[in-house]
Amino acid sequence: MIGYYVHHQGNGHLHRAMTVAPHLPEPVAGISSLPRPASWTGPWIQLPRDDSAPSYAGADVTAQGHLHWVPLGDAGLSGRMATISSWIEQHAPTAMVVDQSVEVCLLARLHGVPVVAMTAPGRRTDTTHALGFGVASAVVGAWPDGWTHRMLSGTERAVHAIGAVSRFAVSSGRTRPTGRRPHAVLLAGTGGDGFTRASVARAQEQTPGWDWTILSRTLGTWHADPAAVLATADVAVLHPGQNSLAEVAALRVPAVVVPADRPFDEQRVTASVLADGWPAVVVDAVPATGWADLLDQALYLDGEGWADWCDGGAPTRLAGVVRGVVDGDRAA
């Protein structure tokens, strides 16, 4: 059996786990603070949260800078680590895929379990990431081969670049229907980040020739099947998180990309790469003006240029990495 740790921040890690788990070489147990998804077919190890205490002000949550999140005296942290340890002892997994947590990487490796560490883009040169990368048997990045030096700047660890992982099937040969107004789809997630009701209203006012759909639980309407909405888009507008970007790329929709501030400059590093010839118009922040020009620029980009970013083969490539780690551990 393979353990698959899913970080609870947002939904992207979960969507990725659900997409790749069926491709892995052995049955997979999900391990997360997130609720078990209805469509998850294997075991699900429910963990307590480790960030629910009233306040961590003044607490040593990083072990004096050596780790990312290990708050002293936190019952949730103790409970989650004990739960993972107990599961490892009972089931002796052949490998752990960790997406993402340096602390869980260390825990699994201290139990003698080989680790496949998923990493996000960014400037992850801190000592904590170096430690997590160092104990992993393999490090995997969900971006196209040949771009690791830009997507994960500064690290010396070899990274398996598998391409973007999208829960949506790859589309090809998109043609824009004639005789209708162009359609922009804003992917604003749960909170919207830099997008607000006022900024969305300004964008719509400045583009009277466009129809807009706002995919957001707070700023618009969230659809259970966003692929159906994106499939009708002429341009997507988004913050370049790995999940949203993978889905736009899979459906071959040209984009207006607005990086949001994230730890380790994750989205700004991604945006700097996207500006280098991918079918995206990149701006530094949510614009107050100029939306008509931005959408028109993106409209005439060729969405087929996303083919190298997301070709549909990432789950199989990740499975190959995991299989190699398992086989290598057995041969040792």
C-alpha atoms as a PDB file:
ATOM      1  CA  MET A   1       0.000   0.000   0.000  1.00  0.00           C
ATOM      2  CA  ILE A   2       1.029   3.598  -0.678  1.00  0.00           C
ATOM      3  CA  GLY A   3       0.227   6.471   1.664  1.00  0.00           C
ATOM      4  CA  TYR A   4      -0.709   9.792   0.091  1.00  0.00           C
ATOM      5  CA  TYR A   5      -0.608  12.857   2.357  1.00  0.00           C
ATOM      6  CA  VAL A   6      -2.863  15.692   1.163  1.00  0.00           C
ATOM      7  CA  HIS A   7      -2.320  19.180   2.582  1.00  0.00           C
ATOM      8  CA  HIS A   8      -5.524  20.841   3.719  1.00  0.00           C
ATOM      9  CA  GLN A   9      -4.844  24.301   2.264  1.00  0.00           C
ATOM     10  CA  GLY A  10      -7.317  24.970  -0.558  1.00  0.00           C
ATOM     11  CA  ASN A  11      -8.560  22.224  -2.858  1.00  0.00           C
ATOM     12  CA  GLY A  12      -5.675  21.910  -5.290  1.00  0.00           C
ATOM     13  CA  HIS A  13      -3.733  19.241  -3.387  1.00  0.00           C
ATOM     14  CA  LEU A  14      -6.887  17.148  -3.028  1.00  0.00           C
ATOM     15  CA  HIS A  15      -7.812  17.441  -6.708  1.00  0.00           C
ATOM     16  CA  ARG A  16      -4.291  16.379  -7.633  1.00  0.00           C
ATOM     17  CA  ALA A  17      -4.409  13.368  -5.290  1.00  0.00           C
ATOM     18  CA  MET A  18      -7.753  12.249  -6.671  1.00  0.00           C
ATOM     19  CA  THR A  19      -6.418  12.552 -10.214  1.00  0.00           C
ATOM     20  CA  VAL A  20      -3.184  10.632  -9.742  1.00  0.00           C
ATOM     21  CA  ALA A  21      -4.175   7.989  -7.153  1.00  0.00           C
ATOM     22  CA  PRO A  22      -5.818   5.628  -9.681  1.00  0.00           C
ATOM     23  CA  HIS A  23      -2.548   5.549 -11.638  1.00  0.00           C
ATOM     24  CA  LEU A  24      -0.263   4.608  -8.750  1.00  0.00           C
ATOM     25  CA  PRO A  25       1.168   1.068  -8.742  1.00  0.00           C
ATOM     26  CA  GLU A  26      -0.498  -0.088  -5.479  1.00  0.00           C
ATOM     27  CA  PRO A  27      -3.679   0.681  -3.506  1.00  0.00           C
ATOM     28  CA  VAL A  28      -3.568   4.187  -2.041  1.00  0.00           C
ATOM     29  CA  ALA A  29      -4.598   5.430   1.392  1.00  0.00           C
ATOM     30  CA  GLY A  30      -5.400   9.129   1.589  1.00  0.00           C
ATOM     31  CA  ILE A  31      -4.087  10.908   4.681  1.00  0.00           C
ATOM     32  CA  SER A  32      -5.397  14.401   5.397  1.00  0.00           C
ATOM     33  CA  SER A  33      -7.221  16.833   7.647  1.00  0.00           C
ATOM     34  CA  LEU A  34      -9.684  17.329   4.798  1.00  0.00           C
ATOM     35  CA  PRO A  35     -12.919  15.318   4.849  1.00  0.00           C
ATOM     36  CA  ARG A  36     -12.930  12.130   2.851  1.00  0.00           C
ATOM     37  CA  PRO A  37     -14.100  12.896  -0.719  1.00  0.00           C
ATOM     38  CA  ALA A  38     -17.204  11.023  -1.781  1.00  0.00           C
ATOM     39  CA  SER A  39     -15.431   9.603  -4.829  1.00  0.00           C
ATOM     40  CA  TRP A  40     -12.304   8.392  -2.984  1.00  0.00           C
ATOM     41  CA  THR A  41     -12.290   4.584  -3.287  1.00  0.00           C
ATOM     42  CA  GLY A  42      -9.458   3.578  -0.951  1.00  0.00           C
ATOM     43  CA  PRO A  43      -8.893   4.029   2.786  1.00  0.00           C
ATOM     44  CA  TRP A  44      -8.945   7.574   4.155  1.00  0.00           C
ATOM     45  CA  ILE A  45      -6.988   8.410   7.305  1.00  0.00           C
ATOM     46  CA  GLN A  46      -8.644  11.408   8.935  1.00  0.00           C
ATOM     47  CA  LEU A  47      -6.204  13.715  10.738  1.00  0.00           C
ATOM     48  CA  PRO A  48      -6.947  16.455  13.260  1.00  0.00           C
ATOM     49  CA  ARG A  49      -6.021  20.002  12.270  1.00  0.00           C
ATOM     50  CA  ASP A  50      -2.886  21.516  13.754  1.00  0.00           C
ATOM     51  CA  ASP A  51      -3.868  25.162  13.282  1.00  0.00           C
ATOM     52  CA  SER A  52      -7.046  25.470  15.320  1.00  0.00           C
ATOM     53  CA  ALA A  53      -5.730  26.884  18.596  1.00  0.00           C
ATOM     54  CA  PRO A  54      -7.020  30.381  19.495  1.00  0.00           C
ATOM     55  CA  SER A  55      -3.632  32.039  19.035  1.00  0.00           C
ATOM     56  CA  TYR A  56      -0.061  31.124  18.257  1.00  0.00           C
ATOM     57  CA  ALA A  57       1.291  34.581  19.068  1.00  0.00           C
ATOM     58  CA  GLY A  58       4.716  34.226  20.630  1.00  0.00           C
ATOM     59  CA  ALA A  59       4.746  30.448  20.231  1.00  0.00           C
ATOM     60  CA  ASP A  60       7.687  28.685  18.624  1.00  0.00           C
ATOM     61  CA  VAL A  61       5.826  27.292  15.615  1.00  0.00           C
ATOM     62  CA  THR A  62       8.954  26.697  13.500  1.00  0.00           C
ATOM     63  CA  ALA A  63      11.289  24.958  15.992  1.00  0.00           C
ATOM     64  CA  GLN A  64      13.579  27.972  15.923  1.00  0.00           C
ATOM     65  CA  GLY A  65      13.475  28.190  12.143  1.00  0.00           C
ATOM     66  CA  HIS A  66      14.248  24.529  11.409  1.00  0.00           C
ATOM     67  CA  LEU A  67      10.716  23.524  10.342  1.00  0.00           C
ATOM     68  CA  HIS A  68       7.648  25.233   8.880  1.00  0.00           C
ATOM     69  CA  TRP A  69       4.816  24.443  11.309  1.00  0.00           C
ATOM     70  CA  VAL A  70       5.243  22.552  14.593  1.00  0.00           C
ATOM     71  CA  PRO A  71       3.484  24.622  17.292  1.00  0.00           C
ATOM     72  CA  LEU A  72       4.508  23.678  20.819  1.00  0.00           C
ATOM     73  CA  GLY A  73       1.828  22.071  22.947  1.00  0.00           C
ATOM     74  CA  ASP A  74      -0.678  21.762  20.111  1.00  0.00           C
ATOM     75  CA  ALA A  75      -2.931  18.744  20.604  1.00  0.00           C
ATOM     76  CA  GLY A  76      -3.816  18.672  16.919  1.00  0.00           C
ATOM     77  CA  LEU A  77      -0.175  18.426  15.875  1.00  0.00           C
ATOM     78  CA  SER A  78       0.446  15.645  18.371  1.00  0.00           C
ATOM     79  CA  GLY A  79      -2.678  13.802  17.277  1.00  0.00           C
ATOM     80  CA  ARG A  80      -1.984  13.978  13.570  1.00  0.00           C
ATOM     81  CA  MET A  81       1.602  12.792  13.904  1.00  0.00           C
ATOM     82  CA  ALA A  82       0.549   9.954  16.205  1.00  0.00           C
ATOM     83  CA  THR A  83      -2.191   8.930  13.753  1.00  0.00           C
ATOM     84  CA  ILE A  84       0.238   8.820  10.821  1.00  0.00           C
ATOM     85  CA  SER A  85       2.798   6.873  12.890  1.00  0.00           C
ATOM     86  CA  SER A  86       0.174   4.342  13.957  1.00  0.00           C
ATOM     87  CA  TRP A  87      -1.010   3.886  10.378  1.00  0.00           C
ATOM     88  CA  ILE A  88       2.566   3.338   9.165  1.00  0.00           C
ATOM     89  CA  GLU A  89       3.188   0.771  11.902  1.00  0.00           C
ATOM     90  CA  GLN A  90       0.010  -1.134  11.063  1.00  0.00           C
ATOM     91  CA  HIS A  91       0.235  -1.081   7.267  1.00  0.00           C
ATOM     92  CA  ALA A  92       3.978  -0.833   6.446  1.00  0.00           C
ATOM     93  CA  PRO A  93       3.466   1.261   3.287  1.00  0.00           C
ATOM     94  CA  THR A  94       5.911   0.751   0.467  1.00  0.00           C
ATOM     95  CA  ALA A  95       6.126   4.524  -0.074  1.00  0.00           C
ATOM     96  CA  MET A  96       4.600   7.827   0.957  1.00  0.00           C
ATOM     97  CA  VAL A  97       3.652  10.539  -1.520  1.00  0.00           C
ATOM     98  CA  VAL A  98       3.643  13.820   0.405  1.00  0.00           C
ATOM     99  CA  ASP A  99       1.851  16.835  -1.083  1.00  0.00           C
ATOM    100  CA  GLN A 100       3.081  18.963   0.740  1.00  0.00           C
ATOM    101  CA  SER A 101       4.689  18.945   4.178  1.00  0.00           C
ATOM    102  CA  VAL A 102       8.317  18.841   5.185  1.00  0.00           C
ATOM    103  CA  GLU A 103       7.223  17.612   8.618  1.00  0.00           C
ATOM    104  CA  VAL A 104       5.344  14.621   7.167  1.00  0.00           C
ATOM    105  CA  CYS A 105       8.297  13.855   4.880  1.00  0.00           C
ATOM    106  CA  LEU A 106      10.525  13.681   7.947  1.00  0.00           C
ATOM    107  CA  LEU A 107       8.046  11.596   9.927  1.00  0.00           C
ATOM    108  CA  ALA A 108       7.675   9.010   7.179  1.00  0.00           C
ATOM    109  CA  ARG A 109      11.419   8.786   6.588  1.00  0.00           C
ATOM    110  CA  LEU A 110      12.068   8.386  10.325  1.00  0.00           C
ATOM    111  CA  HIS A 111       9.834   5.318  10.105  1.00  0.00           C
ATOM    112  CA  GLY A 112      11.967   3.932   7.297  1.00  0.00           C
ATOM    113  CA  VAL A 113       9.419   4.665   4.562  1.00  0.00           C
ATOM    114  CA  PRO A 114      10.698   6.060   1.247  1.00  0.00           C
ATOM    115  CA  VAL A 115       9.185   9.436   0.402  1.00  0.00           C
ATOM    116  CA  VAL A 116       8.130  10.990  -2.897  1.00  0.00           C
ATOM    117  CA  ALA A 117       7.870  14.711  -2.118  1.00  0.00           C
ATOM    118  CA  MET A 118       5.658  16.914  -4.268  1.00  0.00           C
ATOM    119  CA  THR A 119       6.849  20.516  -4.382  1.00  0.00           C
ATOM    120  CA  ALA A 120       5.316  23.757  -5.561  1.00  0.00           C
ATOM    121  CA  PRO A 121       7.166  26.398  -7.586  1.00  0.00           C
ATOM    122  CA  GLY A 122       8.952  29.307  -5.975  1.00  0.00           C
ATOM    123  CA  ARG A 123      12.142  30.326  -4.237  1.00  0.00           C
ATOM    124  CA  ARG A 124      12.337  27.371  -1.868  1.00  0.00           C
ATOM    125  CA  THR A 125      15.962  27.749  -0.839  1.00  0.00           C
ATOM    126  CA  ASP A 126      15.286  27.908   2.912  1.00  0.00           C
ATOM    127  CA  THR A 127      16.896  25.323   5.165  1.00  0.00           C
ATOM    128  CA  THR A 128      13.554  23.659   5.929  1.00  0.00           C
ATOM    129  CA  HIS A 129      12.824  22.885   2.287  1.00  0.00           C
ATOM    130  CA  ALA A 130      16.418  21.733   1.813  1.00  0.00           C
ATOM    131  CA  LEU A 131      15.887  19.294   4.683  1.00  0.00           C
ATOM    132  CA  GLY A 132      12.626  17.977   3.228  1.00  0.00           C
ATOM    133  CA  PHE A 133      14.085  17.627  -0.261  1.00  0.00           C
ATOM    134  CA  GLY A 134      17.169  15.989   1.196  1.00  0.00           C
ATOM    135  CA  VAL A 135      15.363  13.147   2.989  1.00  0.00           C
ATOM    136  CA  ALA A 136      13.057  12.378   0.052  1.00  0.00           C
ATOM    137  CA  SER A 137      13.849   9.529  -2.298  1.00  0.00           C
ATOM    138  CA  ALA A 138      12.418  11.625  -5.135  1.00  0.00           C
ATOM    139  CA  VAL A 139      11.175  15.193  -5.542  1.00  0.00           C
ATOM    140  CA  VAL A 140       8.415  15.902  -8.072  1.00  0.00           C
ATOM    141  CA  GLY A 141       7.296  19.184  -9.633  1.00  0.00           C
ATOM    142  CA  ALA A 142       4.047  19.490 -11.595  1.00  0.00           C
ATOM    143  CA  TRP A 143       5.413  21.652 -14.397  1.00  0.00           C
ATOM    144  CA  PRO A 144       6.844  20.867 -17.842  1.00  0.00           C
ATOM    145  CA  ASP A 145      10.213  19.242 -18.292  1.00  0.00           C
ATOM    146  CA  GLY A 146      13.033  21.673 -18.901  1.00  0.00           C
ATOM    147  CA  TRP A 147      11.632  24.474 -16.716  1.00  0.00           C
ATOM    148  CA  THR A 148      12.721  23.431 -13.225  1.00  0.00           C
ATOM    149  CA  HIS A 149      15.580  25.938 -13.181  1.00  0.00           C
ATOM    150  CA  ARG A 150      12.961  28.680 -13.527  1.00  0.00           C
ATOM    151  CA  MET A 151      10.044  27.185 -11.586  1.00  0.00           C
ATOM    152  CA  LEU A 152      12.100  26.130  -8.563  1.00  0.00           C
ATOM    153  CA  SER A 153      14.946  28.591  -8.623  1.00  0.00           C
ATOM    154  CA  GLY A 154      17.991  28.055  -6.465  1.00  0.00           C
ATOM    155  CA  THR A 155      17.573  24.419  -5.436  1.00  0.00           C
ATOM    156  CA  GLU A 156      20.297  21.936  -6.243  1.00  0.00           C
ATOM    157  CA  ARG A 157      18.111  18.854  -5.786  1.00  0.00           C
ATOM    158  CA  ALA A 158      17.192  16.910  -8.906  1.00  0.00           C
ATOM    159  CA  VAL A 159      13.459  17.237  -9.598  1.00  0.00           C
ATOM    160  CA  HIS A 160      11.209  15.018 -11.701  1.00  0.00           C
ATOM    161  CA  ALA A 161       9.179  17.495 -13.785  1.00  0.00           C
ATOM    162  CA  ILE A 162       6.016  15.592 -14.723  1.00  0.00           C
ATOM    163  CA  GLY A 163       3.919  18.374 -16.268  1.00  0.00           C
ATOM    164  CA  ALA A 164       0.784  19.953 -14.848  1.00  0.00           C
ATOM    165  CA  VAL A 165      -1.811  17.657 -13.249  1.00  0.00           C
ATOM    166  CA  SER A 166      -5.388  18.494 -14.238  1.00  0.00           C
ATOM    167  CA  ARG A 167      -8.535  16.708 -13.118  1.00  0.00           C
ATOM    168  CA  PHE A 168     -10.015  17.682 -16.504  1.00  0.00           C
ATOM    169  CA  ALA A 169      -9.311  15.712 -19.654  1.00  0.00           C
ATOM    170  CA  VAL A 170      -7.028  17.430 -22.130  1.00  0.00           C
ATOM    171  CA  SER A 171      -8.831  19.221 -24.937  1.00  0.00           C
ATOM    172  CA  SER A 172      -7.471  19.871 -28.396  1.00  0.00           C
ATOM    173  CA  GLY A 173      -8.520  21.539 -31.581  1.00  0.00           C
ATOM    174  CA  ARG A 174     -10.654  24.210 -29.918  1.00  0.00           C
ATOM    175  CA  THR A 175     -12.490  26.433 -32.341  1.00  0.00           C
ATOM    176  CA  ARG A 176     -14.163  29.647 -31.366  1.00  0.00           C
ATOM    177  CA  PRO A 177     -17.833  29.704 -32.384  1.00  0.00           C
ATOM    178  CA  THR A 178     -18.775  32.529 -34.686  1.00  0.00           C
ATOM    179  CA  GLY A 179     -21.676  34.876 -34.190  1.00  0.00           C
ATOM    180  CA  ARG A 180     -21.496  35.219 -30.424  1.00  0.00           C
ATOM    181  CA  ARG A 181     -19.914  37.630 -27.998  1.00  0.00           C
ATOM    182  CA  PRO A 182     -16.559  36.633 -26.525  1.00  0.00           C
ATOM    183  CA  HIS A 183     -16.712  35.012 -23.103  1.00  0.00           C
ATOM    184  CA  ALA A 184     -14.311  35.642 -20.186  1.00  0.00           C
ATOM    185  CA  VAL A 185     -14.253  33.303 -17.188  1.00  0.00           C
ATOM    186  CA  LEU A 186     -12.718  34.505 -13.925  1.00  0.00           C
ATOM    187  CA  LEU A 187     -11.425  31.768 -11.631  1.00  0.00           C
ATOM    188  CA  ALA A 188     -11.430  33.457  -8.248  1.00  0.00           C
ATOM    189  CA  GLY A 189     -11.595  30.469  -5.914  1.00  0.00           C
ATOM    190  CA  THR A 190     -12.990  30.702  -2.411  1.00  0.00           C
ATOM    191  CA  GLY A 191     -11.853  34.137  -1.368  1.00  0.00           C
ATOM    192  CA  GLY A 192     -10.856  35.844  -4.588  1.00  0.00           C
ATOM    193  CA  ASP A 193      -7.480  37.050  -3.264  1.00  0.00           C
ATOM    194  CA  GLY A 194      -6.709  40.236  -5.199  1.00  0.00           C
ATOM    195  CA  PHE A 195     -10.086  40.208  -6.906  1.00  0.00           C
ATOM    196  CA  THR A 196     -12.898  42.044  -5.134  1.00  0.00           C
ATOM    197  CA  ARG A 197     -16.487  42.853  -6.043  1.00  0.00           C
ATOM    198  CA  ALA A 198     -15.347  46.362  -6.963  1.00  0.00           C
ATOM    199  CA  SER A 199     -12.455  45.201  -9.166  1.00  0.00           C
ATOM    200  CA  VAL A 200     -14.650  42.633 -10.913  1.00  0.00           C
ATOM    201  CA  ALA A 201     -17.309  45.269 -11.534  1.00  0.00           C
ATOM    202  CA  ARG A 202     -14.686  47.610 -13.034  1.00  0.00           C
ATOM    203  CA  ALA A 203     -13.442  44.871 -15.349  1.00  0.00           C
ATOM    204  CA  GLN A 204     -16.985  44.189 -16.558  1.00  0.00           C
ATOM    205  CA  GLU A 205     -17.751  47.880 -17.042  1.00  0.00           C
ATOM    206  CA  GLN A 206     -14.605  48.307 -19.150  1.00  0.00           C
ATOM    207  CA  THR A 207     -15.479  45.367 -21.424  1.00  0.00           C
ATOM    208  CA  PRO A 208     -19.065  45.941 -22.603  1.00  0.00           C
ATOM    209  CA  GLY A 209     -18.517  43.682 -25.610  1.00  0.00           C
ATOM    210  CA  TRP A 210     -17.719  40.662 -23.437  1.00  0.00           C
ATOM    211  CA  ASP A 211     -19.810  38.252 -21.420  1.00  0.00           C
ATOM    212  CA  TRP A 212     -18.355  37.279 -18.039  1.00  0.00           C
ATOM    213  CA  THR A 213     -18.737  34.274 -15.758  1.00  0.00           C
ATOM    214  CA  ILE A 214     -17.321  34.622 -12.251  1.00  0.00           C
ATOM    215  CA  LEU A 215     -16.417  31.230 -10.775  1.00  0.00           C
ATOM    216  CA  SER A 216     -16.151  32.055  -7.089  1.00  0.00           C
ATOM    217  CA  ARG A 217     -17.972  31.082  -3.922  1.00  0.00           C
ATOM    218  CA  THR A 218     -17.838  34.675  -2.688  1.00  0.00           C
ATOM    219  CA  LEU A 219     -17.725  36.883  -5.781  1.00  0.00           C
ATOM    220  CA  GLY A 220     -19.964  34.976  -8.168  1.00  0.00           C
ATOM    221  CA  THR A 221     -21.228  31.441  -8.572  1.00  0.00           C
ATOM    222  CA  TRP A 222     -19.350  28.225  -7.987  1.00  0.00           C
ATOM    223  CA  HIS A 223     -20.146  25.353 -10.371  1.00  0.00           C
ATOM    224  CA  ALA A 224     -19.749  21.691  -9.512  1.00  0.00           C
ATOM    225  CA  ASP A 225     -18.376  21.178 -13.031  1.00  0.00           C
ATOM    226  CA  PRO A 226     -16.178  24.189 -13.822  1.00  0.00           C
ATOM    227  CA  ALA A 227     -14.813  22.340 -16.848  1.00  0.00           C
ATOM    228  CA  ALA A 228     -18.135  22.825 -18.604  1.00  0.00           C
ATOM    229  CA  VAL A 229     -17.910  26.563 -17.995  1.00  0.00           C
ATOM    230  CA  LEU A 230     -14.238  26.841 -18.959  1.00  0.00           C
ATOM    231  CA  ALA A 231     -14.917  24.903 -22.141  1.00  0.00           C
ATOM    232  CA  THR A 232     -17.026  27.851 -23.324  1.00  0.00           C
ATOM    233  CA  ALA A 233     -14.400  30.473 -22.391  1.00  0.00           C
ATOM    234  CA  ASP A 234     -12.483  32.476 -24.937  1.00  0.00           C
ATOM    235  CA  VAL A 235     -10.193  33.828 -22.204  1.00  0.00           C
ATOM    236  CA  ALA A 236      -9.642  32.744 -18.600  1.00  0.00           C
ATOM    237  CA  VAL A 237      -8.624  35.245 -15.928  1.00  0.00           C
ATOM    238  CA  LEU A 238      -6.881  33.732 -12.927  1.00  0.00           C
ATOM    239  CA  HIS A 239      -4.265  33.776 -10.207  1.00  0.00           C
ATOM    240  CA  PRO A 240      -1.706  31.160 -11.332  1.00  0.00           C
ATOM    241  CA  GLY A 241      -2.109  28.543  -8.609  1.00  0.00           C
ATOM    242  CA  GLN A 242      -1.010  25.132  -9.805  1.00  0.00           C
ATOM    243  CA  ASN A 243      -4.520  23.672  -9.907  1.00  0.00           C
ATOM    244  CA  SER A 244      -6.308  26.531 -11.683  1.00  0.00           C
ATOM    245  CA  LEU A 245      -3.470  26.914 -14.154  1.00  0.00           C
ATOM    246  CA  ALA A 246      -3.437  23.182 -14.920  1.00  0.00           C
ATOM    247  CA  GLU A 247      -7.155  23.193 -15.641  1.00  0.00           C
ATOM    248  CA  VAL A 248      -6.963  26.217 -17.928  1.00  0.00           C
ATOM    249  CA  ALA A 249      -3.998  24.658 -19.722  1.00  0.00           C
ATOM    250  CA  ALA A 250      -5.751  21.290 -20.091  1.00  0.00           C
ATOM    251  CA  LEU A 251      -8.704  22.986 -21.769  1.00  0.00           C
ATOM    252  CA  ARG A 252      -6.371  25.075 -23.948  1.00  0.00           C
ATOM    253  CA  VAL A 253      -7.850  28.437 -22.949  1.00  0.00           C
ATOM    254  CA  PRO A 254      -5.615  31.513 -23.340  1.00  0.00           C
ATOM    255  CA  ALA A 255      -5.347  33.471 -20.129  1.00  0.00           C
ATOM    256  CA  VAL A 256      -4.859  36.745 -18.353  1.00  0.00           C
ATOM    257  CA  VAL A 257      -2.654  35.865 -15.387  1.00  0.00           C
ATOM    258  CA  VAL A 258      -2.516  37.959 -12.210  1.00  0.00           C
ATOM    259  CA  PRO A 259      -0.093  36.548  -9.612  1.00  0.00           C
ATOM    260  CA  ALA A 260      -1.131  36.768  -5.960  1.00  0.00           C
ATOM    261  CA  ASP A 261       1.283  37.018  -3.065  1.00  0.00           C
ATOM    262  CA  ARG A 262       2.104  33.542  -1.751  1.00  0.00           C
ATOM    263  CA  PRO A 263       4.844  32.148   0.484  1.00  0.00           C
ATOM    264  CA  PHE A 264       8.134  31.645  -1.321  1.00  0.00           C
ATOM    265  CA  ASP A 265       6.898  33.790  -4.262  1.00  0.00           C
ATOM    266  CA  GLU A 266       5.145  30.749  -5.691  1.00  0.00           C
ATOM    267  CA  GLN A 267       2.788  32.570  -8.046  1.00  0.00           C
ATOM    268  CA  ARG A 268       5.185  35.347  -9.002  1.00  0.00           C
ATOM    269  CA  VAL A 269       7.813  32.821 -10.048  1.00  0.00           C
ATOM    270  CA  THR A 270       5.162  30.965 -12.051  1.00  0.00           C
ATOM    271  CA  ALA A 271       3.998  34.193 -13.685  1.00  0.00           C
ATOM    272  CA  SER A 272       7.548  35.084 -14.719  1.00  0.00           C
ATOM    273  CA  VAL A 273       7.739  31.771 -16.569  1.00  0.00           C
ATOM    274  CA  LEU A 274       4.318  32.161 -18.175  1.00  0.00           C
ATOM    275  CA  ALA A 275       5.374  35.528 -19.570  1.00  0.00           C
ATOM    276  CA  ASP A 276       8.061  33.723 -21.571  1.00  0.00           C
ATOM    277  CA  GLY A 277       6.057  32.559 -24.587  1.00  0.00           C
ATOM    278  CA  TRP A 278       3.093  30.724 -23.087  1.00  0.00           C
ATOM    279  CA  PRO A 279      -0.478  31.653 -24.138  1.00  0.00           C
ATOM    280  CA  ALA A 280      -0.917  34.118 -21.290  1.00  0.00           C
ATOM    281  CA  VAL A 281      -0.937  37.871 -20.798  1.00  0.00           C
ATOM    282  CA  VAL A 282       0.759  38.485 -17.439  1.00  0.00           C
ATOM    283  CA  VAL A 283       0.188  41.552 -15.256  1.00  0.00           C
ATOM    284  CA  ASP A 284       1.679  42.296 -11.849  1.00  0.00           C
ATOM    285  CA  ALA A 285      -1.563  43.052  -9.991  1.00  0.00           C
ATOM    286  CA  VAL A 286      -5.304  43.270 -10.562  1.00  0.00           C
ATOM    287  CA  PRO A 287      -5.584  46.215 -12.965  1.00  0.00           C
ATOM    288  CA  ALA A 288      -7.785  49.214 -12.291  1.00  0.00           C
ATOM    289  CA  THR A 289      -7.946  50.051 -16.006  1.00  0.00           C
ATOM    290  CA  GLY A 290      -7.111  48.510 -19.368  1.00  0.00           C
ATOM    291  CA  TRP A 291      -9.236  45.366 -19.205  1.00  0.00           C
ATOM    292  CA  ALA A 292     -10.476  45.667 -22.785  1.00  0.00           C
ATOM    293  CA  ASP A 293      -6.917  45.639 -24.127  1.00  0.00           C
ATOM    294  CA  LEU A 294      -5.886  42.744 -21.867  1.00  0.00           C
ATOM    295  CA  LEU A 295      -8.757  40.539 -22.956  1.00  0.00           C
ATOM    296  CA  ASP A 296      -8.233  41.411 -26.613  1.00  0.00           C
ATOM    297  CA  GLN A 297      -4.525  40.551 -26.346  1.00  0.00           C
ATOM    298  CA  ALA A 298      -5.306  37.189 -24.776  1.00  0.00           C
ATOM    299  CA  LEU A 299      -8.136  36.448 -27.221  1.00  0.00           C
ATOM    300  CA  TYR A 300      -5.738  36.164 -30.133  1.00  0.00           C
ATOM    301  CA  LEU A 301      -3.232  33.903 -28.389  1.00  0.00           C
ATOM    302  CA  ASP A 302      -3.213  30.260 -29.450  1.00  0.00           C
ATOM    303  CA  GLY A 303      -4.441  28.131 -26.559  1.00  0.00           C
ATOM    304  CA  GLU A 304      -2.850  25.065 -28.153  1.00  0.00           C
ATOM    305  CA  GLY A 305       0.402  26.518 -26.825  1.00  0.00           C
ATOM    306  CA  TRP A 306      -0.534  24.984 -23.463  1.00  0.00           C
ATOM    307  CA  ALA A 307       0.101  21.487 -24.859  1.00  0.00           C
ATOM    308  CA  ASP A 308       3.589  21.289 -23.368  1.00  0.00           C
ATOM    309  CA  TRP A 309       2.381  22.604 -20.009  1.00  0.00           C
ATOM    310  CA  CYS A 310      -0.351  19.996 -19.592  1.00  0.00           C
ATOM    311  CA  ASP A 311      -0.370  17.044 -21.976  1.00  0.00           C
ATOM    312  CA  GLY A 312      -2.441  14.648 -19.862  1.00  0.00           C
ATOM    313  CA  GLY A 313       0.486  12.352 -19.070  1.00  0.00           C
ATOM    314  CA  ALA A 314       1.469  13.712 -15.654  1.00  0.00           C
ATOM    315  CA  PRO A 315      -0.358  11.066 -13.554  1.00  0.00           C
ATOM    316  CA  THR A 316       1.376   8.266 -15.457  1.00  0.00           C
ATOM    317  CA  ARG A 317       4.762   9.948 -15.057  1.00  0.00           C
ATOM    318  CA  LEU A 318       4.207  10.384 -11.310  1.00  0.00           C
ATOM    319  CA  ALA A 319       3.275   6.710 -11.097  1.00  0.00           C
ATOM    320  CA  GLY A 320       6.552   5.890 -12.810  1.00  0.00           C
ATOM    321  CA  VAL A 321       8.500   7.902 -10.249  1.00  0.00           C
ATOM    322  CA  VAL A 322       6.717   6.172  -7.364  1.00  0.00           C
ATOM    323  CA  ARG A 323       7.235   2.752  -8.927  1.00  0.00           C
ATOM    324  CA  GLY A 324      10.938   3.470  -9.308  1.00  0.00           C
ATOM    325  CA  VAL A 325      11.216   4.496  -5.644  1.00  0.00           C
ATOM    326  CA  VAL A 326       9.348   1.370  -4.465  1.00  0.00           C
ATOM    327  CA  ASP A 327      11.409  -0.945  -6.678  1.00  0.00           C
ATOM    328  CA  GLY A 328      14.628   0.737  -5.634  1.00  0.00           C
ATOM    329  CA  ASP A 329      13.787   0.346  -1.944  1.00  0.00           C
ATOM    330  CA  ARG A 330      12.963  -3.332  -2.391  1.00  0.00           C
ATOM    331  CA  ALA A 331      16.227  -3.934  -4.216  1.00  0.00           C
ATOM    332  CA  ALA A 332      18.285  -2.177  -1.543  1.00  0.00           C
END
